[in-house]
């Protein structure tokens, strides 16, 4: 049997010092609005992850999952696998609520705690979890003291 090589790659387009820096949930929200398709905001739930270096400069983002009206699948292995591959120090999870509510669900709170615990073990920290409900409204789970 021939050995199978696993290839791991990450190709940044900018020097890290040129990448935008995230110092608040408002800045993360403005960044995510640039990459979110607002036409589908109230149609289907989506999850994106923004990866950050130790200086909170954005390394890039990943479109993690697209679901239906009520839910979306979150695979923690993918979140952390991609983050480790690009040598991220932290990440911001972002998802929308097609219903237009910005309050976290019970499932959102459980997921946030799970990602926070896993991140501590891997030294890849959950910086925030944003829930967006429109192009003007979002909630930061860090600011609501869920982190």
N, C-alpha and C. Protein backbone atom coordinates (compact mmCIF):
# COMPACT_ATOMS: atom_id res chain seq x y z
N UNK A 1 0.85 -1.18 0.00
CA UNK A 1 0.00 0.00 0.00
C UNK A 1 0.89 1.24 0.00
N UNK A 2 0.57 2.15 -0.89
CA UNK A 2 1.35 3.38 -1.00
C UNK A 2 0.96 4.34 0.13
N UNK A 3 1.95 4.97 0.81
CA UNK A 3 1.64 5.94 1.87
C UNK A 3 0.88 7.13 1.30
N UNK A 4 -0.03 7.64 2.08
CA UNK A 4 -0.83 8.79 1.68
C UNK A 4 -0.32 10.02 2.42
N UNK A 5 0.12 11.00 1.67
CA UNK A 5 0.60 12.24 2.26
C UNK A 5 -0.56 13.20 2.47
N UNK A 6 -0.60 13.81 3.63
CA UNK A 6 -1.61 14.82 3.92
C UNK A 6 -0.98 16.18 3.69
N UNK A 7 -1.62 16.96 2.84
CA UNK A 7 -1.14 18.30 2.52
C UNK A 7 -1.91 19.33 3.32
N UNK A 8 -1.23 20.19 4.02
CA UNK A 8 -1.85 21.26 4.78
C UNK A 8 -1.32 22.57 4.21
N UNK A 9 -2.25 23.47 3.84
CA UNK A 9 -1.78 24.72 3.24
C UNK A 9 -2.64 25.90 3.66
N UNK A 10 -2.00 27.04 3.69
CA UNK A 10 -2.67 28.32 3.96
C UNK A 10 -1.86 29.36 3.21
N UNK A 11 -2.50 30.12 2.34
CA UNK A 11 -1.80 31.07 1.51
C UNK A 11 -2.33 32.49 1.76
N UNK A 12 -1.75 33.20 2.72
CA UNK A 12 -2.24 34.56 2.99
C UNK A 12 -1.95 35.48 1.80
N UNK A 13 -2.87 36.39 1.55
CA UNK A 13 -2.72 37.30 0.42
C UNK A 13 -1.99 38.58 0.81
N UNK A 14 -2.01 38.94 2.08
CA UNK A 14 -1.38 40.17 2.58
C UNK A 14 -0.34 39.83 3.64
N UNK A 15 0.55 40.74 3.89
CA UNK A 15 1.41 40.63 5.06
C UNK A 15 0.51 40.83 6.27
N UNK A 16 0.75 40.11 7.35
CA UNK A 16 -0.14 40.18 8.51
C UNK A 16 -0.32 41.61 9.02
N UNK A 17 0.71 42.42 8.96
CA UNK A 17 0.58 43.79 9.47
C UNK A 17 -0.36 44.64 8.62
N UNK A 18 -0.68 44.18 7.40
CA UNK A 18 -1.61 44.89 6.52
C UNK A 18 -3.06 44.47 6.75
N UNK A 19 -3.26 43.35 7.45
CA UNK A 19 -4.61 42.84 7.68
C UNK A 19 -5.37 43.73 8.66
N UNK A 20 -6.69 43.82 8.50
CA UNK A 20 -7.48 44.61 9.44
C UNK A 20 -7.36 44.05 10.86
N UNK A 21 -7.40 44.93 11.83
CA UNK A 21 -7.33 44.54 13.24
C UNK A 21 -8.73 44.65 13.85
N UNK A 22 -9.09 43.65 14.64
CA UNK A 22 -10.39 43.64 15.30
C UNK A 22 -10.18 43.94 16.77
N UNK A 23 -10.71 45.08 17.21
CA UNK A 23 -10.58 45.46 18.62
C UNK A 23 -11.94 45.57 19.31
N UNK A 24 -13.01 45.33 18.54
CA UNK A 24 -14.35 45.41 19.12
C UNK A 24 -15.31 44.54 18.31
N UNK A 25 -16.45 44.25 18.93
CA UNK A 25 -17.46 43.48 18.21
C UNK A 25 -17.99 44.29 17.02
N UNK A 26 -18.03 45.60 17.16
CA UNK A 26 -18.50 46.47 16.08
C UNK A 26 -17.60 46.33 14.84
N UNK A 27 -16.29 46.27 15.05
CA UNK A 27 -15.37 46.09 13.93
C UNK A 27 -15.54 44.72 13.29
N UNK A 28 -15.75 43.69 14.09
CA UNK A 28 -15.98 42.35 13.55
C UNK A 28 -17.28 42.33 12.75
N UNK A 29 -18.31 42.99 13.25
CA UNK A 29 -19.59 43.07 12.55
C UNK A 29 -19.44 43.78 11.21
N UNK A 30 -18.72 44.90 11.19
CA UNK A 30 -18.50 45.63 9.93
C UNK A 30 -17.75 44.76 8.92
N UNK A 31 -16.77 43.98 9.41
CA UNK A 31 -16.01 43.10 8.52
C UNK A 31 -16.93 42.03 7.93
N UNK A 32 -17.74 41.43 8.78
CA UNK A 32 -18.58 40.32 8.32
C UNK A 32 -19.64 40.81 7.33
N UNK A 33 -20.10 42.05 7.47
CA UNK A 33 -21.07 42.59 6.52
C UNK A 33 -20.50 42.66 5.11
N UNK A 34 -19.19 42.81 4.99
CA UNK A 34 -18.55 42.89 3.68
C UNK A 34 -18.57 41.54 2.95
N UNK A 35 -18.65 40.46 3.71
CA UNK A 35 -18.56 39.13 3.10
C UNK A 35 -19.88 38.36 3.15
N UNK A 36 -20.88 38.91 3.82
CA UNK A 36 -22.16 38.21 3.96
C UNK A 36 -23.08 38.59 2.82
N UNK A 37 -23.76 37.62 2.25
CA UNK A 37 -24.75 37.89 1.22
C UNK A 37 -26.05 38.30 1.91
N UNK A 38 -26.33 39.59 1.94
CA UNK A 38 -27.49 40.11 2.66
C UNK A 38 -28.81 39.65 2.05
N UNK A 39 -28.78 39.20 0.79
CA UNK A 39 -30.00 38.70 0.16
C UNK A 39 -30.51 37.42 0.81
N UNK A 40 -29.63 36.67 1.47
CA UNK A 40 -30.03 35.40 2.08
C UNK A 40 -30.10 35.48 3.61
N UNK A 41 -29.91 36.66 4.17
CA UNK A 41 -29.87 36.81 5.63
C UNK A 41 -31.12 36.28 6.32
N UNK A 42 -32.28 36.52 5.73
CA UNK A 42 -33.54 36.09 6.35
C UNK A 42 -34.11 34.84 5.70
N UNK A 43 -33.32 34.20 4.86
CA UNK A 43 -33.77 33.01 4.15
C UNK A 43 -33.20 31.73 4.76
N UNK A 44 -31.92 31.75 5.10
CA UNK A 44 -31.27 30.54 5.62
C UNK A 44 -30.19 30.91 6.62
N UNK A 45 -29.99 30.02 7.58
CA UNK A 45 -28.96 30.24 8.58
C UNK A 45 -27.60 29.87 8.00
N UNK A 46 -26.62 30.72 8.27
CA UNK A 46 -25.25 30.48 7.83
C UNK A 46 -24.29 30.72 8.99
N UNK A 47 -23.15 30.04 8.93
CA UNK A 47 -22.12 30.21 9.95
C UNK A 47 -20.80 30.50 9.26
N UNK A 48 -20.15 31.56 9.72
CA UNK A 48 -18.83 31.93 9.22
C UNK A 48 -17.89 32.06 10.42
N UNK A 49 -16.62 31.83 10.16
CA UNK A 49 -15.61 31.94 11.21
C UNK A 49 -14.53 32.90 10.73
N UNK A 50 -14.21 33.89 11.57
CA UNK A 50 -13.12 34.82 11.29
C UNK A 50 -11.94 34.38 12.14
N UNK A 51 -10.80 34.14 11.51
CA UNK A 51 -9.60 33.72 12.23
C UNK A 51 -8.67 34.89 12.44
N UNK A 52 -8.08 34.96 13.63
CA UNK A 52 -7.24 36.08 14.03
C UNK A 52 -5.87 35.61 14.49
N UNK A 53 -4.86 36.47 14.31
CA UNK A 53 -3.54 36.17 14.87
C UNK A 53 -3.48 36.68 16.31
N UNK A 54 -2.32 36.59 16.92
CA UNK A 54 -2.18 36.99 18.33
C UNK A 54 -2.44 38.49 18.53
N UNK A 55 -2.24 39.29 17.49
CA UNK A 55 -2.49 40.73 17.57
C UNK A 55 -3.91 41.11 17.19
N UNK A 56 -4.77 40.10 17.04
CA UNK A 56 -6.17 40.28 16.62
C UNK A 56 -6.30 40.85 15.21
N UNK A 57 -5.29 40.58 14.38
CA UNK A 57 -5.39 40.93 12.96
C UNK A 57 -6.05 39.76 12.24
N UNK A 58 -6.91 40.07 11.30
CA UNK A 58 -7.66 39.04 10.60
C UNK A 58 -6.75 38.29 9.64
N UNK A 59 -6.71 36.97 9.81
CA UNK A 59 -5.98 36.10 8.89
C UNK A 59 -6.86 35.76 7.69
N UNK A 60 -8.15 35.65 7.94
CA UNK A 60 -9.10 35.31 6.89
C UNK A 60 -10.38 34.80 7.51
N UNK A 61 -11.30 34.38 6.66
CA UNK A 61 -12.56 33.83 7.15
C UNK A 61 -12.85 32.53 6.43
N UNK A 62 -13.76 31.77 7.01
CA UNK A 62 -14.18 30.50 6.40
C UNK A 62 -15.70 30.42 6.46
N UNK A 63 -16.32 30.08 5.34
CA UNK A 63 -17.76 29.81 5.31
C UNK A 63 -17.95 28.39 5.82
N UNK A 64 -18.32 28.26 7.07
CA UNK A 64 -18.37 26.95 7.71
C UNK A 64 -19.57 26.13 7.29
N UNK A 65 -20.76 26.75 7.28
CA UNK A 65 -21.95 25.94 7.08
C UNK A 65 -23.12 26.80 6.60
N UNK A 66 -23.97 26.18 5.80
CA UNK A 66 -25.23 26.79 5.37
C UNK A 66 -26.32 25.79 5.70
N UNK A 67 -27.37 26.27 6.37
CA UNK A 67 -28.45 25.38 6.78
C UNK A 67 -29.78 25.82 6.22
N UNK A 68 -30.80 25.55 7.01
CA UNK A 68 -32.15 25.91 6.63
C UNK A 68 -32.61 27.14 7.39
N UNK A 69 -33.90 27.26 7.55
CA UNK A 69 -34.46 28.42 8.23
C UNK A 69 -34.19 28.38 9.73
N UNK A 70 -34.18 27.18 10.32
CA UNK A 70 -34.10 27.05 11.78
C UNK A 70 -32.74 26.69 12.34
N UNK A 71 -31.88 26.09 11.54
CA UNK A 71 -30.63 25.60 12.13
C UNK A 71 -29.55 25.42 11.08
N UNK A 72 -28.35 25.17 11.61
CA UNK A 72 -27.17 24.98 10.79
C UNK A 72 -26.24 24.03 11.55
N UNK A 73 -25.53 23.21 10.83
CA UNK A 73 -24.61 22.26 11.46
C UNK A 73 -23.29 22.94 11.78
N UNK A 74 -22.79 22.69 12.99
CA UNK A 74 -21.50 23.21 13.41
C UNK A 74 -20.59 22.02 13.68
N UNK A 75 -19.50 21.92 12.96
CA UNK A 75 -18.53 20.86 13.18
C UNK A 75 -17.30 21.47 13.84
N UNK A 76 -17.16 21.24 15.13
CA UNK A 76 -16.06 21.81 15.91
C UNK A 76 -14.70 21.39 15.36
N UNK A 77 -14.61 20.16 14.85
CA UNK A 77 -13.34 19.69 14.28
C UNK A 77 -12.90 20.56 13.12
N UNK A 78 -13.86 20.99 12.29
CA UNK A 78 -13.52 21.87 11.17
C UNK A 78 -13.08 23.24 11.65
N UNK A 79 -13.80 23.80 12.61
CA UNK A 79 -13.43 25.12 13.13
C UNK A 79 -11.99 25.11 13.63
N UNK A 80 -11.67 24.13 14.47
CA UNK A 80 -10.33 24.10 15.06
C UNK A 80 -9.29 23.60 14.07
N UNK A 81 -9.65 22.67 13.20
CA UNK A 81 -8.71 22.18 12.20
C UNK A 81 -8.24 23.29 11.28
N UNK A 82 -9.16 24.10 10.80
CA UNK A 82 -8.82 25.21 9.91
C UNK A 82 -8.00 26.25 10.67
N UNK A 83 -8.42 26.55 11.90
CA UNK A 83 -7.69 27.53 12.71
C UNK A 83 -6.26 27.09 12.99
N UNK A 84 -6.07 25.83 13.29
CA UNK A 84 -4.71 25.33 13.54
C UNK A 84 -3.88 25.34 12.27
N UNK A 85 -4.53 25.05 11.14
CA UNK A 85 -3.83 25.04 9.86
C UNK A 85 -3.27 26.40 9.49
N UNK A 86 -3.98 27.46 9.85
CA UNK A 86 -3.50 28.81 9.50
C UNK A 86 -2.80 29.47 10.69
N UNK A 87 -2.49 28.68 11.72
CA UNK A 87 -1.76 29.16 12.90
C UNK A 87 -2.47 30.33 13.57
N UNK A 88 -3.79 30.27 13.62
CA UNK A 88 -4.58 31.31 14.28
C UNK A 88 -4.41 31.20 15.79
N UNK A 89 -4.57 32.32 16.45
CA UNK A 89 -4.56 32.34 17.92
C UNK A 89 -5.97 32.46 18.48
N UNK A 90 -6.88 32.96 17.66
CA UNK A 90 -8.25 33.12 18.10
C UNK A 90 -9.19 33.13 16.92
N UNK A 91 -10.48 33.08 17.23
CA UNK A 91 -11.48 33.12 16.18
C UNK A 91 -12.77 33.74 16.71
N UNK A 92 -13.55 34.25 15.77
CA UNK A 92 -14.86 34.80 16.06
C UNK A 92 -15.87 34.00 15.25
N UNK A 93 -16.81 33.40 15.93
CA UNK A 93 -17.88 32.67 15.27
C UNK A 93 -19.00 33.65 14.99
N UNK A 94 -19.56 33.59 13.78
CA UNK A 94 -20.65 34.49 13.41
C UNK A 94 -21.74 33.67 12.74
N UNK A 95 -22.96 33.87 13.17
CA UNK A 95 -24.08 33.26 12.46
C UNK A 95 -25.28 34.19 12.51
N UNK A 96 -26.21 33.93 11.63
CA UNK A 96 -27.41 34.76 11.55
C UNK A 96 -28.62 33.99 12.08
N UNK A 97 -29.63 34.74 12.45
CA UNK A 97 -30.93 34.18 12.79
C UNK A 97 -31.92 34.67 11.73
N UNK A 98 -32.33 33.80 10.81
CA UNK A 98 -33.27 34.22 9.76
C UNK A 98 -34.58 34.80 10.31
N UNK A 99 -34.94 34.43 11.52
CA UNK A 99 -36.17 34.94 12.13
C UNK A 99 -36.09 36.44 12.43
N UNK A 100 -34.87 36.98 12.45
CA UNK A 100 -34.69 38.40 12.74
C UNK A 100 -34.41 38.68 14.21
N UNK A 101 -34.53 37.67 15.07
CA UNK A 101 -34.21 37.88 16.48
C UNK A 101 -32.70 37.81 16.66
N UNK A 102 -32.19 38.65 17.55
CA UNK A 102 -30.75 38.61 17.78
C UNK A 102 -30.39 37.96 19.12
N UNK A 103 -31.38 37.57 19.87
CA UNK A 103 -31.10 36.93 21.16
C UNK A 103 -30.60 35.51 20.95
N UNK A 104 -29.58 35.09 21.71
CA UNK A 104 -29.04 33.74 21.57
C UNK A 104 -30.04 32.68 22.04
N UNK A 105 -30.08 31.59 21.31
CA UNK A 105 -30.92 30.46 21.72
C UNK A 105 -30.15 29.63 22.75
N UNK A 106 -30.84 28.68 23.35
CA UNK A 106 -30.21 27.76 24.29
C UNK A 106 -29.06 27.02 23.59
N UNK A 107 -29.30 26.62 22.35
CA UNK A 107 -28.27 25.90 21.57
C UNK A 107 -27.07 26.80 21.30
N UNK A 108 -27.30 28.07 21.04
CA UNK A 108 -26.21 29.03 20.82
C UNK A 108 -25.33 29.14 22.06
N UNK A 109 -25.96 29.19 23.21
CA UNK A 109 -25.22 29.32 24.48
C UNK A 109 -24.40 28.06 24.75
N UNK A 110 -25.00 26.90 24.53
CA UNK A 110 -24.29 25.62 24.73
C UNK A 110 -23.09 25.53 23.79
N UNK A 111 -23.31 25.86 22.52
CA UNK A 111 -22.22 25.83 21.53
C UNK A 111 -21.09 26.78 21.92
N UNK A 112 -21.45 27.97 22.36
CA UNK A 112 -20.44 28.97 22.75
C UNK A 112 -19.57 28.44 23.89
N UNK A 113 -20.18 27.86 24.89
CA UNK A 113 -19.43 27.31 26.03
C UNK A 113 -18.53 26.16 25.57
N UNK A 114 -19.05 25.30 24.70
CA UNK A 114 -18.27 24.17 24.18
C UNK A 114 -17.04 24.66 23.43
N UNK A 115 -17.23 25.64 22.53
CA UNK A 115 -16.10 26.18 21.76
C UNK A 115 -15.10 26.89 22.67
N UNK A 116 -15.60 27.56 23.68
CA UNK A 116 -14.71 28.24 24.62
C UNK A 116 -13.85 27.22 25.37
N UNK A 117 -14.45 26.14 25.84
CA UNK A 117 -13.70 25.10 26.56
C UNK A 117 -12.67 24.42 25.67
N UNK A 118 -13.08 24.06 24.45
CA UNK A 118 -12.16 23.41 23.52
C UNK A 118 -11.01 24.36 23.15
N UNK A 119 -11.34 25.61 22.94
CA UNK A 119 -10.32 26.59 22.56
C UNK A 119 -9.26 26.77 23.62
N UNK A 120 -9.64 26.72 24.88
CA UNK A 120 -8.66 26.83 25.96
C UNK A 120 -7.67 25.67 25.91
N UNK A 121 -8.16 24.49 25.60
CA UNK A 121 -7.30 23.30 25.55
C UNK A 121 -6.34 23.35 24.37
N UNK A 122 -6.77 23.95 23.28
CA UNK A 122 -5.94 23.98 22.06
C UNK A 122 -5.18 25.29 21.88
N UNK A 123 -5.35 26.23 22.80
CA UNK A 123 -4.74 27.55 22.69
C UNK A 123 -5.17 28.25 21.39
N UNK A 124 -6.42 28.04 21.04
CA UNK A 124 -7.06 28.68 19.89
C UNK A 124 -8.39 29.20 20.43
N UNK A 125 -8.38 30.43 20.88
CA UNK A 125 -9.44 30.95 21.73
C UNK A 125 -10.62 31.55 20.97
N UNK A 126 -11.80 31.25 21.48
CA UNK A 126 -13.01 31.89 20.98
C UNK A 126 -13.03 33.31 21.52
N UNK A 127 -12.89 34.29 20.64
CA UNK A 127 -12.84 35.69 21.03
C UNK A 127 -14.26 36.24 21.22
N UNK A 128 -15.16 35.84 20.33
CA UNK A 128 -16.54 36.30 20.42
C UNK A 128 -17.42 35.39 19.56
N UNK A 129 -18.70 35.47 19.79
CA UNK A 129 -19.69 34.79 18.98
C UNK A 129 -20.77 35.83 18.68
N UNK A 130 -20.84 36.23 17.42
CA UNK A 130 -21.80 37.24 17.01
C UNK A 130 -23.02 36.59 16.38
N UNK A 131 -24.18 37.11 16.72
CA UNK A 131 -25.43 36.68 16.09
C UNK A 131 -25.97 37.91 15.38
N UNK A 132 -26.12 37.79 14.06
CA UNK A 132 -26.62 38.94 13.31
C UNK A 132 -28.07 38.70 12.91
N UNK A 133 -28.86 39.76 12.99
CA UNK A 133 -30.28 39.66 12.65
C UNK A 133 -30.66 40.57 11.49
N UNK A 134 -29.81 41.54 11.19
CA UNK A 134 -30.02 42.42 10.04
C UNK A 134 -28.69 43.11 9.74
N UNK A 135 -28.68 43.94 8.71
CA UNK A 135 -27.43 44.63 8.41
C UNK A 135 -27.15 45.77 9.38
N UNK A 136 -28.06 46.00 10.31
CA UNK A 136 -27.85 47.02 11.35
C UNK A 136 -27.75 46.43 12.76
N UNK A 137 -28.23 45.21 12.97
CA UNK A 137 -28.33 44.67 14.32
C UNK A 137 -27.60 43.35 14.48
N UNK A 138 -26.94 43.24 15.62
CA UNK A 138 -26.26 42.01 16.00
C UNK A 138 -26.16 41.99 17.52
N UNK A 139 -25.78 40.84 18.06
CA UNK A 139 -25.48 40.75 19.48
C UNK A 139 -24.13 40.05 19.62
N UNK A 140 -23.34 40.56 20.54
CA UNK A 140 -22.05 39.96 20.87
C UNK A 140 -22.23 39.13 22.14
N UNK A 141 -21.96 37.84 22.05
CA UNK A 141 -22.13 36.99 23.22
C UNK A 141 -21.06 37.28 24.27
N UNK A 142 -19.94 37.85 23.86
CA UNK A 142 -18.92 38.28 24.83
C UNK A 142 -19.46 39.46 25.63
N UNK A 143 -20.05 40.42 24.94
CA UNK A 143 -20.57 41.60 25.62
C UNK A 143 -21.79 41.28 26.48
N UNK A 144 -22.50 40.19 26.15
CA UNK A 144 -23.63 39.74 26.96
C UNK A 144 -23.18 38.81 28.10
N UNK A 145 -21.84 38.67 28.24
CA UNK A 145 -21.23 37.87 29.33
C UNK A 145 -21.50 36.37 29.21
N UNK A 146 -21.65 35.85 27.99
CA UNK A 146 -21.74 34.42 27.80
C UNK A 146 -20.34 33.81 27.66
N UNK A 147 -19.33 34.65 27.48
CA UNK A 147 -17.93 34.21 27.36
C UNK A 147 -17.16 34.64 28.59
